[in-house]
Protein backbone atom coordinates (compact mmCIF):
# COMPACT_ATOMS: atom_id res chain seq x y z
CA MET A 1 15.56 53.75 47.27
CA SER A 2 12.65 55.66 48.74
CA THR A 3 9.51 55.76 47.26
CA LYS A 4 8.13 57.85 49.10
CA PRO A 5 6.36 61.05 47.32
CA ASP A 6 7.83 64.11 46.95
CA LYS A 7 6.11 66.68 49.23
CA SER A 8 7.54 69.38 47.46
CA SER A 9 5.88 68.42 44.23
CA TYR A 10 3.40 70.55 42.31
CA GLY A 11 0.95 69.35 40.13
CA ALA A 12 -2.95 68.99 39.30
CA GLU A 13 -3.16 67.20 42.68
CA SER A 14 -1.94 69.43 44.38
CA ILE A 15 -4.39 71.96 43.97
CA VAL A 16 -7.23 72.60 46.50
CA VAL A 17 -10.38 74.29 45.78
CA LEU A 18 -12.38 75.86 48.56
CA GLU A 19 -15.55 76.41 48.30
CA GLY A 20 -18.45 78.73 49.38
CA LEU A 21 -17.07 80.37 52.47
CA GLU A 22 -14.56 77.65 53.18
CA PRO A 23 -11.40 80.34 52.04
CA VAL A 24 -12.90 82.94 54.58
CA ARG A 25 -12.65 79.97 57.57
CA LYS A 26 -9.34 79.04 56.29
CA ARG A 27 -7.96 82.65 56.14
CA PRO A 28 -10.22 84.98 58.39
CA ALA A 29 -7.16 87.54 58.57
CA MET A 30 -7.45 88.31 54.67
CA TYR A 31 -11.13 89.12 55.18
CA ILE A 32 -11.09 90.97 58.24
CA GLY A 33 -7.45 91.98 59.31
CA THR A 34 -7.56 90.41 62.27
CA THR A 35 -8.77 87.47 64.52
CA SER A 36 -8.06 89.45 67.53
CA GLN A 37 -10.55 91.33 69.75
CA TYR A 38 -10.42 93.77 67.17
CA GLY A 39 -12.03 91.34 64.34
CA ILE A 40 -15.07 91.39 66.87
CA ASN A 41 -15.31 94.99 66.37
CA HIS A 42 -15.00 94.28 62.23
CA CYS A 43 -17.76 91.79 62.08
CA LEU A 44 -20.27 94.07 63.74
CA ASN A 45 -19.27 97.02 61.72
CA GLU A 46 -20.10 94.63 59.01
CA ILE A 47 -24.10 93.86 59.68
CA ILE A 48 -24.42 97.72 61.35
CA ASP A 49 -23.23 99.24 58.06
CA ASN A 50 -25.77 97.22 55.92
CA SER A 51 -28.45 99.20 57.99
CA ILE A 52 -26.48 102.55 57.67
CA ASP A 53 -26.63 101.91 53.69
CA GLU A 54 -30.85 101.79 53.67
CA ALA A 55 -30.81 104.71 56.22
CA LEU A 56 -28.50 106.64 54.03
CA ALA A 57 -30.49 105.79 51.31
CA GLY A 58 -33.56 107.11 52.82
CA TYR A 59 -35.35 103.76 53.66
CA CYS A 60 -34.39 103.06 57.32
CA ARG A 61 -34.70 105.45 60.38
CA ASN A 62 -33.54 103.18 63.08
CA VAL A 63 -30.77 101.22 63.58
CA GLU A 64 -30.41 99.52 67.15
CA ILE A 65 -27.51 97.22 68.48
CA ARG A 66 -28.25 95.20 71.25
CA ILE A 67 -25.25 93.15 72.78
CA GLU A 68 -26.96 90.23 74.59
CA LYS A 69 -25.61 88.59 77.74
CA ASN A 70 -25.44 85.30 75.66
CA GLY A 71 -22.70 86.64 73.96
CA TYR A 72 -24.86 87.07 70.97
CA LEU A 73 -24.38 90.69 68.78
CA THR A 74 -27.62 91.25 67.51
CA VAL A 75 -28.54 94.58 65.15
CA PHE A 76 -32.42 95.67 63.73
CA ASP A 77 -33.58 97.99 61.40
CA ASP A 78 -36.40 99.33 60.23
CA GLY A 79 -35.46 99.39 56.53
CA ARG A 80 -36.94 97.40 53.77
CA GLY A 81 -35.63 93.92 54.97
CA ILE A 82 -33.64 92.04 52.40
CA PRO A 83 -35.51 90.30 49.70
CA ILE A 84 -36.37 87.07 50.16
CA GLU A 85 -37.56 86.20 47.14
CA LYS A 86 -35.22 83.68 44.69
CA VAL A 87 -32.58 84.92 42.69
CA PRO A 88 -33.23 83.45 39.11
CA LYS A 89 -29.42 82.70 38.50
CA TYR A 90 -29.10 80.69 41.44
CA ASN A 91 -32.59 79.60 42.46
CA ILE A 92 -32.03 80.33 45.99
CA SER A 93 -33.34 83.33 48.27
CA ALA A 94 -31.85 86.86 47.91
CA LEU A 95 -31.56 86.19 51.61
CA GLU A 96 -29.10 83.02 51.37
CA ILE A 97 -26.96 84.74 48.67
CA VAL A 98 -26.32 88.13 50.68
CA PHE A 99 -24.99 85.48 54.00
CA THR A 100 -23.47 82.45 52.10
CA LYS A 101 -22.09 84.10 48.73
CA LEU A 102 -18.68 86.17 48.74
CA HIS A 103 -18.94 89.80 46.97
CA ALA A 104 -22.79 89.27 46.48
CA GLY A 105 -23.85 92.94 47.31
CA GLY A 106 -25.63 94.38 44.74
CA LYS A 107 -29.08 95.17 43.40
CA PHE A 108 -31.29 92.23 42.77
CA ASN A 109 -34.02 92.20 40.77
CA VAL A 110 -36.12 91.79 43.52
CA GLY A 111 -36.72 95.32 45.03
CA ALA A 112 -33.51 96.80 44.27
CA TYR A 113 -32.25 95.93 47.64
CA LYS A 114 -28.86 97.45 47.97
CA VAL A 115 -25.73 95.30 50.53
CA SER A 116 -22.55 97.59 50.04
CA GLY A 117 -20.63 95.04 51.59
CA GLY A 118 -19.63 96.82 54.96
CA LEU A 119 -16.07 98.31 55.75
CA HIS A 120 -14.10 96.29 53.62
CA GLY A 121 -16.77 94.90 50.73
CA VAL A 122 -16.82 91.72 52.60
CA GLY A 123 -20.29 91.88 54.30
CA ALA A 124 -22.65 89.36 55.94
CA SER A 125 -21.34 86.49 54.17
CA VAL A 126 -17.96 86.80 55.95
CA VAL A 127 -19.82 87.43 59.40
CA ASN A 128 -21.71 84.23 58.93
CA ALA A 129 -18.58 82.52 57.91
CA LEU A 130 -16.77 83.38 61.37
CA SER A 131 -20.16 82.71 63.35
CA SER A 132 -20.68 79.28 65.32
CA HIS A 133 -24.40 80.65 64.59
CA ILE A 134 -26.46 83.37 62.88
CA VAL A 135 -30.21 83.92 62.94
CA VAL A 136 -31.44 86.51 60.39
CA GLU A 137 -35.23 87.51 60.33
CA VAL A 138 -36.54 89.54 57.48
CA ARG A 139 -40.08 91.29 58.24
CA ARG A 140 -41.68 92.17 54.67
CA GLU A 141 -45.18 93.13 53.39
CA GLY A 142 -46.64 92.38 56.92
CA LYS A 143 -44.71 88.59 56.88
CA LEU A 144 -41.92 87.72 58.74
CA TYR A 145 -39.30 85.40 57.82
CA ARG A 146 -36.12 83.41 59.05
CA GLN A 147 -32.92 81.62 58.16
CA GLU A 148 -30.51 80.68 60.53
CA TYR A 149 -26.51 79.38 59.43
CA LYS A 150 -23.98 77.30 61.71
CA LYS A 151 -20.41 77.93 60.49
CA GLY A 152 -21.72 79.63 57.37
CA LEU A 153 -23.89 77.08 56.49
CA PRO A 154 -27.89 77.16 55.92
CA LEU A 155 -30.05 75.37 58.36
CA TYR A 156 -32.68 75.44 56.38
CA HIS A 157 -34.53 77.33 53.60
CA VAL A 158 -35.37 80.70 54.56
CA LYS A 159 -39.05 80.31 56.06
CA GLU A 160 -42.18 82.45 56.99
CA VAL A 161 -42.77 82.41 60.77
CA LYS A 162 -45.37 83.26 63.07
CA GLU A 163 -43.17 85.25 66.19
CA SER A 164 -39.88 86.33 66.32
CA ILE A 165 -37.11 85.05 68.74
CA LEU A 166 -35.24 87.86 68.63
CA ASP A 167 -37.21 90.52 69.71
CA PHE A 168 -37.65 91.89 66.65
CA LYS A 169 -40.28 94.99 67.04
CA TYR A 170 -40.48 97.01 63.75
CA LYS A 171 -42.97 96.35 61.17
CA GLN A 172 -40.64 96.10 58.76
CA GLY A 173 -36.52 95.70 58.08
CA THR A 174 -34.36 93.06 59.21
CA ALA A 175 -32.53 91.41 62.52
CA VAL A 176 -29.27 90.01 62.57
CA SER A 177 -28.13 88.12 65.50
CA PHE A 178 -24.45 86.35 65.42
CA TYR A 179 -22.23 84.30 67.88
CA PRO A 180 -18.63 84.94 66.70
CA ASP A 181 -17.06 81.45 66.71
CA LYS A 182 -14.53 80.55 69.34
CA GLU A 183 -12.39 78.41 66.83
CA ILE A 184 -11.45 81.40 65.15
CA PHE A 185 -11.72 83.96 67.80
CA LYS A 186 -9.53 82.23 69.97
CA GLU A 187 -8.34 85.23 72.03
CA THR A 188 -11.81 86.43 72.72
CA ILE A 189 -15.48 86.80 71.32
CA GLU A 190 -16.04 90.24 73.46
CA LEU A 191 -16.28 93.52 71.58
CA ASN A 192 -13.85 96.50 72.47
CA TYR A 193 -16.21 98.67 74.14
CA ASN A 194 -14.01 102.11 73.21
CA ILE A 195 -13.93 101.56 70.05
CA PHE A 196 -17.39 100.58 69.78
CA ARG A 197 -18.60 103.33 71.11
CA LYS A 198 -16.56 105.84 69.00
CA GLN A 199 -17.67 104.03 65.71
CA VAL A 200 -21.41 104.09 67.13
CA LYS A 201 -21.21 107.73 67.25
CA GLU A 202 -19.47 107.92 63.95
CA ARG A 203 -22.48 105.90 62.64
CA ALA A 204 -25.19 108.12 64.16
CA TYR A 205 -23.96 111.44 62.79
CA LEU A 206 -24.05 109.85 59.37
CA ILE A 207 -27.49 108.76 59.61
CA ASN A 208 -28.50 111.95 61.79
CA ASN A 209 -31.91 113.50 60.88
């Protein structure tokens, strides 16, 4: 008589809890619709839309998008900058929450900085999860801060730095540079430029003043 476990059995031991951003890496299409080339555009739009939110709220006049030769996609704005203070409930920086907690947008009690979550309410944390590397720099009150992530995990706590490694020139605001993960986007990590141009034009009309 076979003593092999029944693979179809369903008990407590069958339950797997995916923590942090693991669900995103496990089922990326649930969050961005596709892992094809269009998924790359979607990720970039999520970051752009956070800057657009700042512009629509009247706090940002410039949003710059840079497609780097090394494959990184970088977005700069001169908004208020994502808060770097700790959120008491989590005891970690608001910046880290924005990039590591799903649906963590909303207003923090550290300057009422709002992150809408982009096109489908997933926001920067999903882009972080689907990137092999992200660099975030924030300039607030004359100081520059940085945090880096690898596949959704912070490499170190938010820290104050003297110089930008992203060529961040604005006196205040946020800069996000990410490299899409080739393990997720197996087809390509390049943008669809025709769609990109169209989407940028649409957003430019939104903030045209």
